[in-house]
N, C-alpha and C. Protein backbone atom coordinates (compact mmCIF):
# COMPACT_ATOMS: atom_id res chain seq x y z
N UNK A 1 65.80 112.22 130.70
CA UNK A 1 64.44 111.71 130.86
C UNK A 1 64.04 110.94 129.60
N UNK A 2 63.27 109.90 129.79
CA UNK A 2 62.80 109.11 128.66
C UNK A 2 61.78 109.89 127.85
N UNK A 3 61.79 109.66 126.56
CA UNK A 3 60.90 110.36 125.65
C UNK A 3 59.72 109.48 125.27
N UNK A 4 59.39 108.56 126.15
CA UNK A 4 58.29 107.64 125.88
C UNK A 4 57.46 107.42 127.13
N UNK A 5 56.29 106.81 126.89
CA UNK A 5 55.38 106.44 127.97
C UNK A 5 54.93 105.01 127.71
N UNK A 6 54.92 104.19 128.75
CA UNK A 6 54.48 102.79 128.68
C UNK A 6 52.98 102.76 128.96
N UNK A 7 52.25 102.02 128.13
CA UNK A 7 50.79 101.95 128.26
C UNK A 7 50.38 100.53 128.62
N UNK A 8 49.96 100.29 129.86
CA UNK A 8 49.44 98.96 130.23
C UNK A 8 47.98 98.82 129.81
N UNK A 9 47.46 97.61 129.86
CA UNK A 9 46.01 97.44 129.72
C UNK A 9 45.35 98.14 130.89
N UNK A 10 44.23 98.76 130.66
CA UNK A 10 43.60 99.57 131.71
C UNK A 10 42.89 98.72 132.76
N UNK A 11 42.74 99.31 133.92
CA UNK A 11 42.04 98.66 135.03
C UNK A 11 40.57 98.39 134.63
N UNK A 12 39.98 99.34 133.91
CA UNK A 12 38.59 99.21 133.48
C UNK A 12 38.42 98.05 132.48
N UNK A 13 39.34 97.97 131.55
CA UNK A 13 39.29 96.89 130.56
C UNK A 13 39.44 95.53 131.27
N UNK A 14 40.39 95.44 132.19
CA UNK A 14 40.60 94.20 132.94
C UNK A 14 39.37 93.84 133.76
N UNK A 15 38.74 94.83 134.38
CA UNK A 15 37.53 94.58 135.18
C UNK A 15 36.40 94.04 134.30
N UNK A 16 36.27 94.60 133.09
CA UNK A 16 35.25 94.13 132.15
C UNK A 16 35.50 92.67 131.79
N UNK A 17 36.76 92.32 131.54
CA UNK A 17 37.10 90.94 131.19
C UNK A 17 36.86 89.99 132.35
N UNK A 18 37.23 90.41 133.55
CA UNK A 18 37.01 89.56 134.73
C UNK A 18 35.53 89.31 134.96
N UNK A 19 34.73 90.34 134.72
CA UNK A 19 33.29 90.24 134.95
C UNK A 19 32.59 89.41 133.89
N UNK A 20 32.90 89.66 132.63
CA UNK A 20 32.20 88.98 131.53
C UNK A 20 32.72 87.57 131.27
N UNK A 21 34.02 87.34 131.53
CA UNK A 21 34.70 86.07 131.26
C UNK A 21 34.68 85.71 129.77
N UNK A 22 34.51 86.77 128.93
CA UNK A 22 34.55 86.61 127.48
C UNK A 22 35.46 87.72 126.94
N UNK A 23 36.40 87.36 126.05
CA UNK A 23 37.29 88.38 125.51
C UNK A 23 36.65 89.09 124.31
N UNK A 24 37.36 90.04 123.73
CA UNK A 24 36.83 90.84 122.62
C UNK A 24 36.58 90.03 121.36
N UNK A 25 37.08 88.81 121.29
CA UNK A 25 36.87 87.95 120.13
C UNK A 25 35.75 86.94 120.37
N UNK A 26 35.09 87.02 121.53
CA UNK A 26 34.00 86.10 121.86
C UNK A 26 34.45 84.80 122.47
N UNK A 27 35.76 84.68 122.78
CA UNK A 27 36.28 83.45 123.38
C UNK A 27 36.07 83.47 124.89
N UNK A 28 35.78 82.32 125.44
CA UNK A 28 35.70 82.19 126.90
C UNK A 28 37.09 82.40 127.48
N UNK A 29 37.18 83.18 128.52
CA UNK A 29 38.45 83.44 129.19
C UNK A 29 38.76 82.26 130.11
N UNK A 30 40.01 81.83 130.08
CA UNK A 30 40.45 80.69 130.88
C UNK A 30 41.16 81.18 132.13
N UNK A 31 40.73 80.69 133.29
CA UNK A 31 41.43 81.00 134.54
C UNK A 31 42.27 79.80 134.93
N UNK A 32 43.52 80.08 135.32
CA UNK A 32 44.42 78.99 135.68
C UNK A 32 45.39 79.43 136.77
N UNK A 33 45.88 78.45 137.51
CA UNK A 33 46.98 78.71 138.43
C UNK A 33 48.24 78.83 137.58
N UNK A 34 49.04 79.80 137.89
CA UNK A 34 50.21 80.12 137.06
C UNK A 34 51.17 78.94 136.97
N UNK A 35 51.50 78.60 135.72
CA UNK A 35 52.45 77.51 135.49
C UNK A 35 53.65 77.98 134.67
N UNK A 36 53.65 79.25 134.28
CA UNK A 36 54.75 79.77 133.47
C UNK A 36 55.12 81.16 133.92
N UNK A 37 55.69 81.90 133.00
CA UNK A 37 56.10 83.26 133.28
C UNK A 37 54.93 84.21 133.11
N UNK A 38 55.14 85.44 133.30
CA UNK A 38 54.13 86.47 133.10
C UNK A 38 54.62 87.40 132.05
N UNK A 39 54.42 88.61 132.19
CA UNK A 39 53.83 89.30 133.34
C UNK A 39 52.35 89.61 133.11
N UNK A 40 51.71 90.10 134.14
CA UNK A 40 50.36 90.62 134.01
C UNK A 40 50.43 91.84 133.09
N UNK A 41 49.53 91.95 132.12
CA UNK A 41 49.57 93.06 131.16
C UNK A 41 48.92 94.33 131.72
N UNK A 42 48.47 94.27 132.97
CA UNK A 42 47.94 95.46 133.64
C UNK A 42 49.01 96.03 134.57
N UNK A 43 49.51 95.21 135.48
CA UNK A 43 50.48 95.66 136.49
C UNK A 43 51.93 95.53 136.05
N UNK A 44 52.19 94.70 135.04
CA UNK A 44 53.53 94.33 134.58
C UNK A 44 54.35 93.63 135.66
N UNK A 45 53.67 93.08 136.65
CA UNK A 45 54.34 92.30 137.68
C UNK A 45 54.34 90.83 137.27
N UNK A 46 55.41 90.11 137.60
CA UNK A 46 55.42 88.68 137.31
C UNK A 46 54.44 87.95 138.22
N UNK A 47 54.00 86.82 137.76
CA UNK A 47 53.12 85.98 138.57
C UNK A 47 53.97 85.05 139.42
N UNK A 48 53.42 84.64 140.56
CA UNK A 48 54.08 83.66 141.40
C UNK A 48 53.67 82.26 140.94
N UNK A 49 54.63 81.52 140.44
CA UNK A 49 54.42 80.18 139.89
C UNK A 49 53.76 79.28 140.93
N UNK A 50 52.66 78.62 140.53
CA UNK A 50 51.97 77.66 141.39
C UNK A 50 51.08 78.28 142.45
N UNK A 51 51.04 79.62 142.52
CA UNK A 51 50.25 80.28 143.56
C UNK A 51 49.20 81.23 142.98
N UNK A 52 49.66 82.18 142.17
CA UNK A 52 48.75 83.19 141.62
C UNK A 52 47.82 82.57 140.59
N UNK A 53 46.66 83.21 140.42
CA UNK A 53 45.74 82.83 139.36
C UNK A 53 45.78 83.92 138.30
N UNK A 54 45.76 83.48 137.04
CA UNK A 54 45.77 84.42 135.94
C UNK A 54 44.68 84.06 134.94
N UNK A 55 44.32 85.05 134.15
CA UNK A 55 43.33 84.85 133.11
C UNK A 55 44.02 84.88 131.75
N UNK A 56 43.70 83.92 130.93
CA UNK A 56 44.23 83.82 129.57
C UNK A 56 43.13 84.27 128.61
N UNK A 57 43.47 85.21 127.74
CA UNK A 57 42.49 85.74 126.80
C UNK A 57 43.16 86.15 125.50
N UNK A 58 42.37 86.29 124.46
CA UNK A 58 42.86 86.82 123.19
C UNK A 58 42.75 88.33 123.24
N UNK A 59 43.79 89.00 122.72
CA UNK A 59 43.81 90.46 122.75
C UNK A 59 44.51 90.99 121.50
N UNK A 60 43.96 92.05 120.94
CA UNK A 60 44.63 92.79 119.87
C UNK A 60 44.79 94.23 120.34
N UNK A 61 46.02 94.74 120.40
CA UNK A 61 46.26 96.09 120.92
C UNK A 61 46.09 97.17 119.86
N UNK A 62 45.30 96.94 118.83
CA UNK A 62 45.13 97.89 117.74
C UNK A 62 43.73 98.48 117.73
N UNK A 63 43.63 99.71 117.25
CA UNK A 63 42.34 100.37 117.11
C UNK A 63 41.73 100.13 115.74
N UNK A 64 42.58 99.90 114.73
CA UNK A 64 42.13 99.70 113.35
C UNK A 64 42.31 98.22 112.99
N UNK A 65 41.25 97.62 112.45
CA UNK A 65 41.34 96.22 112.02
C UNK A 65 42.11 96.17 110.70
N UNK A 66 43.25 95.51 110.70
CA UNK A 66 44.04 95.35 109.48
C UNK A 66 44.93 94.12 109.60
N UNK A 67 45.71 93.87 108.57
CA UNK A 67 46.54 92.66 108.50
C UNK A 67 47.66 92.62 109.54
N UNK A 68 48.00 93.76 110.14
CA UNK A 68 49.10 93.81 111.11
C UNK A 68 48.64 93.63 112.56
N UNK A 69 47.36 93.36 112.78
CA UNK A 69 46.81 93.35 114.14
C UNK A 69 47.46 92.36 115.09
N UNK A 70 47.92 91.25 114.63
CA UNK A 70 48.56 90.24 115.47
C UNK A 70 47.83 89.96 116.78
N UNK A 71 46.54 89.59 116.73
CA UNK A 71 45.88 89.23 117.98
C UNK A 71 46.52 87.97 118.53
N UNK A 72 46.50 87.85 119.82
CA UNK A 72 47.09 86.66 120.42
C UNK A 72 46.81 86.57 121.90
N UNK A 73 47.35 85.55 122.50
CA UNK A 73 47.09 85.32 123.92
C UNK A 73 47.88 86.27 124.81
N UNK A 74 47.23 86.75 125.85
CA UNK A 74 47.89 87.52 126.90
C UNK A 74 47.33 87.06 128.23
N UNK A 75 48.04 87.40 129.29
CA UNK A 75 47.61 87.07 130.64
C UNK A 75 47.38 88.35 131.44
N UNK A 76 46.33 88.31 132.26
CA UNK A 76 46.14 89.35 133.27
C UNK A 76 45.88 88.63 134.59
N UNK A 77 46.13 89.32 135.67
CA UNK A 77 45.88 88.74 136.98
C UNK A 77 44.39 88.48 137.16
N UNK A 78 44.04 87.36 137.76
CA UNK A 78 42.65 87.07 138.08
C UNK A 78 42.15 88.00 139.18
N UNK A 79 43.07 88.47 140.01
CA UNK A 79 42.73 89.41 141.07
C UNK A 79 42.79 90.84 140.52
N UNK A 80 42.03 91.72 141.14
CA UNK A 80 42.08 93.13 140.77
C UNK A 80 43.45 93.68 141.16
N UNK A 81 44.14 94.27 140.21
CA UNK A 81 45.47 94.84 140.45
C UNK A 81 45.50 96.28 139.93
N UNK A 82 46.43 97.03 140.46
CA UNK A 82 46.60 98.41 139.99
C UNK A 82 47.45 98.42 138.73
N UNK A 83 47.09 99.25 137.77
CA UNK A 83 47.90 99.36 136.56
C UNK A 83 49.29 99.91 136.89
N UNK A 84 50.25 99.52 136.09
CA UNK A 84 51.61 100.01 136.21
C UNK A 84 51.57 101.54 136.19
N UNK A 85 52.18 102.18 137.18
CA UNK A 85 52.06 103.63 137.34
C UNK A 85 53.29 104.42 136.91
N UNK A 86 54.45 103.84 136.93
CA UNK A 86 55.69 104.55 136.62
C UNK A 86 55.90 104.55 135.10
N UNK A 87 54.97 105.16 134.38
CA UNK A 87 54.84 104.99 132.94
C UNK A 87 55.96 105.61 132.10
N UNK A 88 56.81 106.42 132.71
CA UNK A 88 57.93 107.01 131.97
C UNK A 88 59.22 106.20 132.15
N UNK A 89 59.05 105.02 132.70
CA UNK A 89 60.17 104.09 132.90
C UNK A 89 59.69 102.70 132.50
N UNK A 90 60.53 101.97 131.77
CA UNK A 90 60.15 100.62 131.38
C UNK A 90 60.05 99.75 132.64
N UNK A 91 59.04 98.89 132.74
CA UNK A 91 58.81 98.12 133.97
C UNK A 91 60.04 97.31 134.40
N UNK A 92 60.59 97.61 135.58
CA UNK A 92 61.77 96.89 136.06
C UNK A 92 61.58 95.38 136.16
N UNK A 93 60.37 94.93 136.53
CA UNK A 93 60.13 93.49 136.68
C UNK A 93 60.31 92.75 135.36
N UNK A 94 60.09 93.44 134.25
CA UNK A 94 60.30 92.83 132.93
C UNK A 94 61.75 93.02 132.51
N UNK A 95 62.23 94.23 132.66
CA UNK A 95 63.58 94.59 132.23
C UNK A 95 64.64 93.75 132.93
N UNK A 96 64.44 93.47 134.19
CA UNK A 96 65.46 92.78 134.99
C UNK A 96 65.33 91.26 134.97
N UNK A 97 64.32 90.74 134.28
CA UNK A 97 64.12 89.29 134.23
C UNK A 97 64.81 88.73 132.99
N UNK A 98 65.88 87.95 133.15
CA UNK A 98 66.60 87.43 131.99
C UNK A 98 65.79 86.42 131.17
N UNK A 99 64.65 85.96 131.68
CA UNK A 99 63.81 85.02 130.93
C UNK A 99 62.95 85.72 129.88
N UNK A 100 62.80 87.02 129.99
CA UNK A 100 61.99 87.76 129.03
C UNK A 100 62.89 88.26 127.90
N UNK A 101 62.77 87.65 126.74
CA UNK A 101 63.49 88.08 125.54
C UNK A 101 62.50 88.90 124.72
N UNK A 102 62.89 90.13 124.39
CA UNK A 102 61.92 91.08 123.85
C UNK A 102 62.26 91.54 122.44
N UNK A 103 61.22 91.99 121.73
CA UNK A 103 61.36 92.67 120.45
C UNK A 103 60.59 93.98 120.52
N UNK A 104 61.04 94.94 119.71
CA UNK A 104 60.33 96.20 119.53
C UNK A 104 59.79 96.22 118.11
N UNK A 105 58.51 96.51 117.97
CA UNK A 105 57.90 96.60 116.65
C UNK A 105 57.26 97.97 116.54
N UNK A 106 57.68 98.72 115.52
CA UNK A 106 57.17 100.08 115.32
C UNK A 106 56.08 100.11 114.27
N UNK A 107 55.08 100.94 114.53
CA UNK A 107 53.95 101.09 113.62
C UNK A 107 53.74 102.56 113.28
N UNK A 108 53.28 102.78 112.04
CA UNK A 108 52.94 104.13 111.60
C UNK A 108 51.58 104.53 112.17
N UNK A 109 51.20 105.77 111.91
CA UNK A 109 49.89 106.27 112.34
C UNK A 109 48.76 105.41 111.76
N UNK A 110 48.99 104.86 110.57
CA UNK A 110 47.99 104.00 109.92
C UNK A 110 48.05 102.56 110.42
N UNK A 111 48.89 102.33 111.42
CA UNK A 111 49.07 101.01 112.03
C UNK A 111 49.71 100.02 111.08
N UNK A 112 50.61 100.49 110.24
CA UNK A 112 51.39 99.63 109.37
C UNK A 112 52.74 99.39 110.02
N UNK A 113 53.18 98.15 110.01
CA UNK A 113 54.47 97.80 110.62
C UNK A 113 55.59 98.43 109.78
N UNK A 114 56.41 99.27 110.43
CA UNK A 114 57.48 99.96 109.71
C UNK A 114 58.86 99.72 110.31
N UNK A 115 58.93 98.99 111.43
CA UNK A 115 60.22 98.78 112.07
C UNK A 115 60.14 97.58 113.00
N UNK A 116 61.19 96.76 113.02
CA UNK A 116 61.29 95.67 114.00
C UNK A 116 62.75 95.52 114.40
N UNK A 117 62.97 95.22 115.65
CA UNK A 117 64.32 94.88 116.10
C UNK A 117 64.27 94.13 117.42
N UNK A 118 65.25 93.26 117.58
CA UNK A 118 65.40 92.53 118.84
C UNK A 118 65.98 93.45 119.91
N UNK A 119 65.68 93.14 121.14
CA UNK A 119 66.29 93.84 122.28
C UNK A 119 67.41 92.94 122.78
N UNK A 120 68.67 93.27 122.48
CA UNK A 120 69.76 92.37 122.85
C UNK A 120 70.05 92.36 124.35
N UNK A 121 69.71 93.45 125.04
CA UNK A 121 69.99 93.55 126.48
C UNK A 121 68.84 94.31 127.13
N UNK A 122 67.98 93.59 127.82
CA UNK A 122 66.82 94.23 128.45
C UNK A 122 67.21 95.39 129.35
N UNK A 123 68.38 95.33 129.98
CA UNK A 123 68.79 96.40 130.89
C UNK A 123 69.03 97.70 130.15
N UNK A 124 69.19 97.63 128.83
CA UNK A 124 69.40 98.82 128.00
C UNK A 124 68.16 99.19 127.18
N UNK A 125 67.01 98.58 127.50
CA UNK A 125 65.82 98.77 126.66
C UNK A 125 65.35 100.22 126.62
N UNK A 126 65.47 100.95 127.71
CA UNK A 126 65.02 102.35 127.69
C UNK A 126 65.83 103.16 126.69
N UNK A 127 67.14 102.97 126.70
CA UNK A 127 68.00 103.67 125.74
C UNK A 127 67.61 103.25 124.32
N UNK A 128 67.38 101.97 124.11
CA UNK A 128 67.03 101.46 122.79
C UNK A 128 65.71 102.05 122.31
N UNK A 129 64.71 102.10 123.18
CA UNK A 129 63.41 102.69 122.82
C UNK A 129 63.59 104.15 122.42
N UNK A 130 64.32 104.91 123.24
CA UNK A 130 64.56 106.32 122.93
C UNK A 130 65.24 106.48 121.57
N UNK A 131 66.22 105.63 121.28
CA UNK A 131 66.93 105.70 120.00
C UNK A 131 66.03 105.36 118.83
N UNK A 132 65.23 104.33 118.97
CA UNK A 132 64.31 103.94 117.90
C UNK A 132 63.34 105.08 117.59
N UNK A 133 62.77 105.68 118.62
CA UNK A 133 61.82 106.77 118.40
C UNK A 133 62.51 108.00 117.81
N UNK A 134 63.71 108.30 118.28
CA UNK A 134 64.44 109.46 117.78
C UNK A 134 64.84 109.28 116.31
N UNK A 135 65.25 108.08 115.93
CA UNK A 135 65.74 107.82 114.58
C UNK A 135 64.66 107.47 113.57
N UNK A 136 63.43 107.32 114.02
CA UNK A 136 62.34 106.89 113.13
C UNK A 136 61.10 107.76 113.35
N UNK A 137 61.07 108.94 112.77
CA UNK A 137 59.92 109.83 112.99
C UNK A 137 58.61 109.29 112.44
N UNK A 138 58.67 108.28 111.55
CA UNK A 138 57.45 107.69 111.01
C UNK A 138 56.80 106.69 111.96
N UNK A 139 57.46 106.39 113.07
CA UNK A 139 56.87 105.48 114.06
C UNK A 139 55.93 106.27 114.96
N UNK A 140 54.67 105.86 114.98
CA UNK A 140 53.67 106.49 115.84
C UNK A 140 53.67 105.84 117.23
N UNK A 141 53.89 104.53 117.28
CA UNK A 141 53.93 103.80 118.55
C UNK A 141 54.70 102.51 118.34
N UNK A 142 55.14 101.94 119.45
CA UNK A 142 55.85 100.66 119.45
C UNK A 142 55.05 99.64 120.23
N UNK A 143 55.21 98.39 119.85
CA UNK A 143 54.75 97.30 120.70
C UNK A 143 55.99 96.56 121.18
N UNK A 144 55.97 96.21 122.44
CA UNK A 144 56.98 95.32 123.00
C UNK A 144 56.32 93.95 123.02
N UNK A 145 57.01 92.98 122.42
CA UNK A 145 56.49 91.61 122.36
C UNK A 145 57.56 90.64 122.83
N UNK A 146 57.10 89.48 123.23
CA UNK A 146 58.03 88.40 123.56
C UNK A 146 58.70 87.96 122.28
N UNK A 147 60.03 87.89 122.29
CA UNK A 147 60.77 87.43 121.12
C UNK A 147 60.63 85.93 120.92
N UNK A 148 60.21 85.22 121.94
CA UNK A 148 60.07 83.76 121.85
C UNK A 148 58.63 83.37 121.53
N UNK A 149 57.68 83.87 122.31
CA UNK A 149 56.28 83.49 122.11
C UNK A 149 55.53 84.46 121.18
N UNK A 150 56.14 85.60 120.89
CA UNK A 150 55.55 86.65 120.03
C UNK A 150 54.35 87.34 120.65
N UNK A 151 54.03 87.04 121.90
CA UNK A 151 52.85 87.64 122.50
C UNK A 151 53.11 89.10 122.91
N UNK A 152 52.05 89.86 122.87
CA UNK A 152 52.07 91.29 123.20
C UNK A 152 52.36 91.50 124.68
N UNK A 153 53.26 92.43 124.98
CA UNK A 153 53.56 92.79 126.36
C UNK A 153 52.96 94.15 126.69
N UNK A 154 53.31 95.17 125.88
CA UNK A 154 52.79 96.51 126.14
C UNK A 154 52.99 97.40 124.92
N UNK A 155 52.36 98.57 124.98
CA UNK A 155 52.51 99.60 123.96
C UNK A 155 53.39 100.70 124.52
N UNK A 156 54.21 101.28 123.64
CA UNK A 156 55.06 102.42 123.98
C UNK A 156 54.62 103.56 123.06
N UNK A 157 54.32 104.71 123.64
CA UNK A 157 53.97 105.90 122.87
C UNK A 157 54.97 107.01 123.17
N UNK A 158 55.06 107.96 122.29
CA UNK A 158 55.94 109.11 122.51
C UNK A 158 55.38 109.95 123.66
N UNK A 159 56.27 110.43 124.50
CA UNK A 159 55.84 111.25 125.65
C UNK A 159 55.61 112.68 125.20
């Protein structure tokens, strides 16, 4: 069994963003027909190119404001979607998509970056996450980010 849990953006947070159309940084949220990859940071499902509508917003997945916050653009579905539920397994839609090149970034309890590594094979990401957490007791949580765009995908916490 995996020793981690995947944390998507919450349904409540997404509903607040859809309703207000303003992100946590005061920026207007942009709605667009999908022209690129995804995934939605709530459901972790890919978007259908040219069909689905998504919202572009600035997001920082940190609780403490500091130099490591790395706020940046993320996408959520414009439609109400259910959050990813199989939280003890890395999302298959991301893992199985060869277009998603990923990195793991580990942070201490104080939210200081203490570890980074590329994911050479997405199909082995669960094993890699378990190994990183097992070998690095100073890591409080991980962020999975796009290795190409550097954008935030999800948070991984110890189970």
